[in-house]
Amino acid sequence: MRLAVAAAALFLASNSQLQAAGPAPIRLQVAAREYSLTLSALRVKAGPAVVELVNYGQDAHDLRLQRRGSRHIAGIGPVGAGKFADLSLRLAPGRYSLWCSLGNHAALGMRATLIVTAR
């Protein structure tokens, strides 16, 4: 009985610590191919996020993200064919432009829009 009470107390303590740490980050996958970007979701909630760029193409691709009206541009450097890379950031509400900045890839269609809504 004491062991069950101790286990329950430990579970409650660790659960409250997880809740105190804040919400888990949302995960957004961006699939890059010649010459398109496909998002795993077109709308996400504001807050911590992990953006994963997966290169399904044959050429190297990178990723740039910019909230419209902001000067700040976040990004993931070049990712080779068959590789992936992650970027952890906090997304504020707004409309984001995403694009590949290598060569003329954006002009060829490697761009997308993400909408981030308030919690």
C-alpha atoms as a PDB file:
ATOM      1  CA  MET A   1       0.000   0.000   0.000  1.00  0.00           C
ATOM      2  CA  ARG A   2       2.782   2.436   0.906  1.00  0.00           C
ATOM      3  CA  LEU A   3       4.520   1.667  -2.375  1.00  0.00           C
ATOM      4  CA  ALA A   4       1.349   2.493  -4.341  1.00  0.00           C
ATOM      5  CA  VAL A   5       0.934   5.794  -2.458  1.00  0.00           C
ATOM      6  CA  ALA A   6       4.594   6.679  -3.072  1.00  0.00           C
ATOM      7  CA  ALA A   7       4.259   5.815  -6.783  1.00  0.00           C
ATOM      8  CA  ALA A   8       1.101   7.932  -7.076  1.00  0.00           C
ATOM      9  CA  ALA A   9       2.817  10.875  -5.361  1.00  0.00           C
ATOM     10  CA  LEU A  10       5.805  10.574  -7.715  1.00  0.00           C
ATOM     11  CA  PHE A  11       3.508  10.438 -10.760  1.00  0.00           C
ATOM     12  CA  LEU A  12       1.587  13.525  -9.629  1.00  0.00           C
ATOM     13  CA  ALA A  13       4.809  15.427  -8.917  1.00  0.00           C
ATOM     14  CA  SER A  14       6.338  14.595 -12.290  1.00  0.00           C
ATOM     15  CA  ASN A  15       3.055  15.317 -14.091  1.00  0.00           C
ATOM     16  CA  SER A  16       2.781  18.763 -12.479  1.00  0.00           C
ATOM     17  CA  GLN A  17       6.398  19.511 -13.452  1.00  0.00           C
ATOM     18  CA  LEU A  18       5.585  18.653 -17.068  1.00  0.00           C
ATOM     19  CA  GLN A  19       2.564  20.938 -17.015  1.00  0.00           C
ATOM     20  CA  ALA A  20       4.607  23.720 -15.413  1.00  0.00           C
ATOM     21  CA  ALA A  21       7.157  23.443 -18.237  1.00  0.00           C
ATOM     22  CA  GLY A  22       4.508  24.625 -20.698  1.00  0.00           C
ATOM     23  CA  PRO A  23       2.887  23.075 -23.721  1.00  0.00           C
ATOM     24  CA  ALA A  24       4.760  20.567 -25.823  1.00  0.00           C
ATOM     25  CA  PRO A  25       6.063  22.085 -29.053  1.00  0.00           C
ATOM     26  CA  ILE A  26       4.011  21.574 -32.172  1.00  0.00           C
ATOM     27  CA  ARG A  27       5.818  19.722 -34.932  1.00  0.00           C
ATOM     28  CA  LEU A  28       5.679  20.891 -38.522  1.00  0.00           C
ATOM     29  CA  GLN A  29       7.290  18.915 -41.320  1.00  0.00           C
ATOM     30  CA  VAL A  30       8.261  20.662 -44.534  1.00  0.00           C
ATOM     31  CA  ALA A  31       8.879  18.280 -47.434  1.00  0.00           C
ATOM     32  CA  ALA A  32      11.189  19.683 -50.114  1.00  0.00           C
ATOM     33  CA  ARG A  33      11.192  18.377 -53.682  1.00  0.00           C
ATOM     34  CA  GLU A  34      12.176  19.882 -57.016  1.00  0.00           C
ATOM     35  CA  TYR A  35      10.491  22.415 -57.011  1.00  0.00           C
ATOM     36  CA  SER A  36       7.876  22.470 -54.265  1.00  0.00           C
ATOM     37  CA  LEU A  37       7.470  22.746 -50.500  1.00  0.00           C
ATOM     38  CA  THR A  38       4.697  20.741 -48.842  1.00  0.00           C
ATOM     39  CA  LEU A  39       3.700  21.481 -45.240  1.00  0.00           C
ATOM     40  CA  SER A  40       2.317  18.791 -42.935  1.00  0.00           C
ATOM     41  CA  ALA A  41      -0.193  21.418 -41.684  1.00  0.00           C
ATOM     42  CA  LEU A  42      -1.268  24.739 -43.167  1.00  0.00           C
ATOM     43  CA  ARG A  43      -2.445  26.144 -39.796  1.00  0.00           C
ATOM     44  CA  VAL A  44      -0.863  25.705 -36.378  1.00  0.00           C
ATOM     45  CA  LYS A  45      -1.280  27.323 -32.973  1.00  0.00           C
ATOM     46  CA  ALA A  46       1.191  29.886 -31.686  1.00  0.00           C
ATOM     47  CA  GLY A  47       3.878  28.768 -29.271  1.00  0.00           C
ATOM     48  CA  PRO A  48       6.949  26.577 -29.240  1.00  0.00           C
ATOM     49  CA  ALA A  49       7.520  24.643 -32.440  1.00  0.00           C
ATOM     50  CA  VAL A  50       9.924  22.253 -34.093  1.00  0.00           C
ATOM     51  CA  VAL A  51      10.114  22.688 -37.853  1.00  0.00           C
ATOM     52  CA  GLU A  52      11.652  19.761 -39.719  1.00  0.00           C
ATOM     53  CA  LEU A  53      12.898  20.135 -43.264  1.00  0.00           C
ATOM     54  CA  VAL A  54      13.021  16.789 -45.085  1.00  0.00           C
ATOM     55  CA  ASN A  55      14.664  16.761 -48.495  1.00  0.00           C
ATOM     56  CA  TYR A  56      12.947  14.230 -50.759  1.00  0.00           C
ATOM     57  CA  GLY A  57      14.556  15.794 -53.811  1.00  0.00           C
ATOM     58  CA  GLN A  58      17.837  15.257 -55.598  1.00  0.00           C
ATOM     59  CA  ASP A  59      19.261  18.765 -55.130  1.00  0.00           C
ATOM     60  CA  ALA A  60      20.216  20.424 -51.849  1.00  0.00           C
ATOM     61  CA  HIS A  61      17.489  22.666 -50.377  1.00  0.00           C
ATOM     62  CA  ASP A  62      17.270  25.037 -47.436  1.00  0.00           C
ATOM     63  CA  LEU A  63      14.351  26.699 -45.651  1.00  0.00           C
ATOM     64  CA  ARG A  64      13.634  30.294 -44.681  1.00  0.00           C
ATOM     65  CA  LEU A  65      10.656  31.396 -42.537  1.00  0.00           C
ATOM     66  CA  GLN A  66       9.492  34.974 -42.083  1.00  0.00           C
ATOM     67  CA  ARG A  67       6.379  36.314 -40.386  1.00  0.00           C
ATOM     68  CA  ARG A  68       4.876  38.914 -42.666  1.00  0.00           C
ATOM     69  CA  GLY A  69       5.568  42.391 -41.329  1.00  0.00           C
ATOM     70  CA  SER A  70       8.687  41.226 -39.468  1.00  0.00           C
ATOM     71  CA  ARG A  71      12.321  41.782 -40.419  1.00  0.00           C
ATOM     72  CA  HIS A  72      13.533  38.595 -38.717  1.00  0.00           C
ATOM     73  CA  ILE A  73      14.140  35.573 -40.945  1.00  0.00           C
ATOM     74  CA  ALA A  74      14.665  32.161 -39.344  1.00  0.00           C
ATOM     75  CA  GLY A  75      16.116  29.322 -41.302  1.00  0.00           C
ATOM     76  CA  ILE A  76      17.641  25.926 -41.791  1.00  0.00           C
ATOM     77  CA  GLY A  77      20.834  25.701 -43.839  1.00  0.00           C
ATOM     78  CA  PRO A  78      21.282  23.504 -46.889  1.00  0.00           C
ATOM     79  CA  VAL A  79      20.094  19.915 -46.500  1.00  0.00           C
ATOM     80  CA  GLY A  80      21.324  17.292 -48.931  1.00  0.00           C
ATOM     81  CA  ALA A  81      19.187  14.781 -50.814  1.00  0.00           C
ATOM     82  CA  GLY A  82      17.607  12.234 -48.488  1.00  0.00           C
ATOM     83  CA  LYS A  83      18.598  14.185 -45.342  1.00  0.00           C
ATOM     84  CA  PHE A  84      16.693  16.254 -42.785  1.00  0.00           C
ATOM     85  CA  ALA A  85      17.290  19.018 -40.241  1.00  0.00           C
ATOM     86  CA  ASP A  86      15.268  20.556 -37.394  1.00  0.00           C
ATOM     87  CA  LEU A  87      14.767  24.105 -36.171  1.00  0.00           C
ATOM     88  CA  SER A  88      13.283  24.900 -32.741  1.00  0.00           C
ATOM     89  CA  LEU A  89      11.602  28.275 -32.403  1.00  0.00           C
ATOM     90  CA  ARG A  90       8.601  30.083 -30.960  1.00  0.00           C
ATOM     91  CA  LEU A  91       5.919  31.010 -33.507  1.00  0.00           C
ATOM     92  CA  ALA A  92       3.928  34.185 -32.907  1.00  0.00           C
ATOM     93  CA  PRO A  93       0.460  34.541 -34.441  1.00  0.00           C
ATOM     94  CA  GLY A  94       0.519  35.690 -38.038  1.00  0.00           C
ATOM     95  CA  ARG A  95       1.038  34.644 -41.622  1.00  0.00           C
ATOM     96  CA  TYR A  96       4.447  33.185 -42.449  1.00  0.00           C
ATOM     97  CA  SER A  97       6.212  32.907 -45.778  1.00  0.00           C
ATOM     98  CA  LEU A  98       8.424  29.844 -46.241  1.00  0.00           C
ATOM     99  CA  TRP A  99      10.835  29.400 -49.133  1.00  0.00           C
ATOM    100  CA  CYS A 100      14.020  27.770 -50.347  1.00  0.00           C
ATOM    101  CA  SER A 101      16.650  30.483 -50.803  1.00  0.00           C
ATOM    102  CA  LEU A 102      19.069  28.449 -52.925  1.00  0.00           C
ATOM    103  CA  GLY A 103      19.486  29.543 -56.531  1.00  0.00           C
ATOM    104  CA  ASN A 104      16.159  30.292 -58.200  1.00  0.00           C
ATOM    105  CA  HIS A 105      14.294  27.556 -56.271  1.00  0.00           C
ATOM    106  CA  ALA A 106      11.705  29.960 -54.801  1.00  0.00           C
ATOM    107  CA  ALA A 107      10.946  31.364 -58.262  1.00  0.00           C
ATOM    108  CA  LEU A 108      10.485  27.796 -59.512  1.00  0.00           C
ATOM    109  CA  GLY A 109       7.786  27.136 -56.884  1.00  0.00           C
ATOM    110  CA  MET A 110       9.570  26.266 -53.637  1.00  0.00           C
ATOM    111  CA  ARG A 111       7.468  28.510 -51.414  1.00  0.00           C
ATOM    112  CA  ALA A 112       4.535  28.075 -49.075  1.00  0.00           C
ATOM    113  CA  THR A 113       2.410  29.961 -46.556  1.00  0.00           C
ATOM    114  CA  LEU A 114       1.814  28.969 -42.941  1.00  0.00           C
ATOM    115  CA  ILE A 115      -0.906  30.526 -40.767  1.00  0.00           C
ATOM    116  CA  VAL A 116      -0.219  30.649 -37.042  1.00  0.00           C
ATOM    117  CA  THR A 117      -3.304  31.281 -34.904  1.00  0.00           C
ATOM    118  CA  ALA A 118      -3.493  32.597 -31.344  1.00  0.00           C
ATOM    119  CA  ARG A 119      -3.785  29.914 -28.697  1.00  0.00           C
END
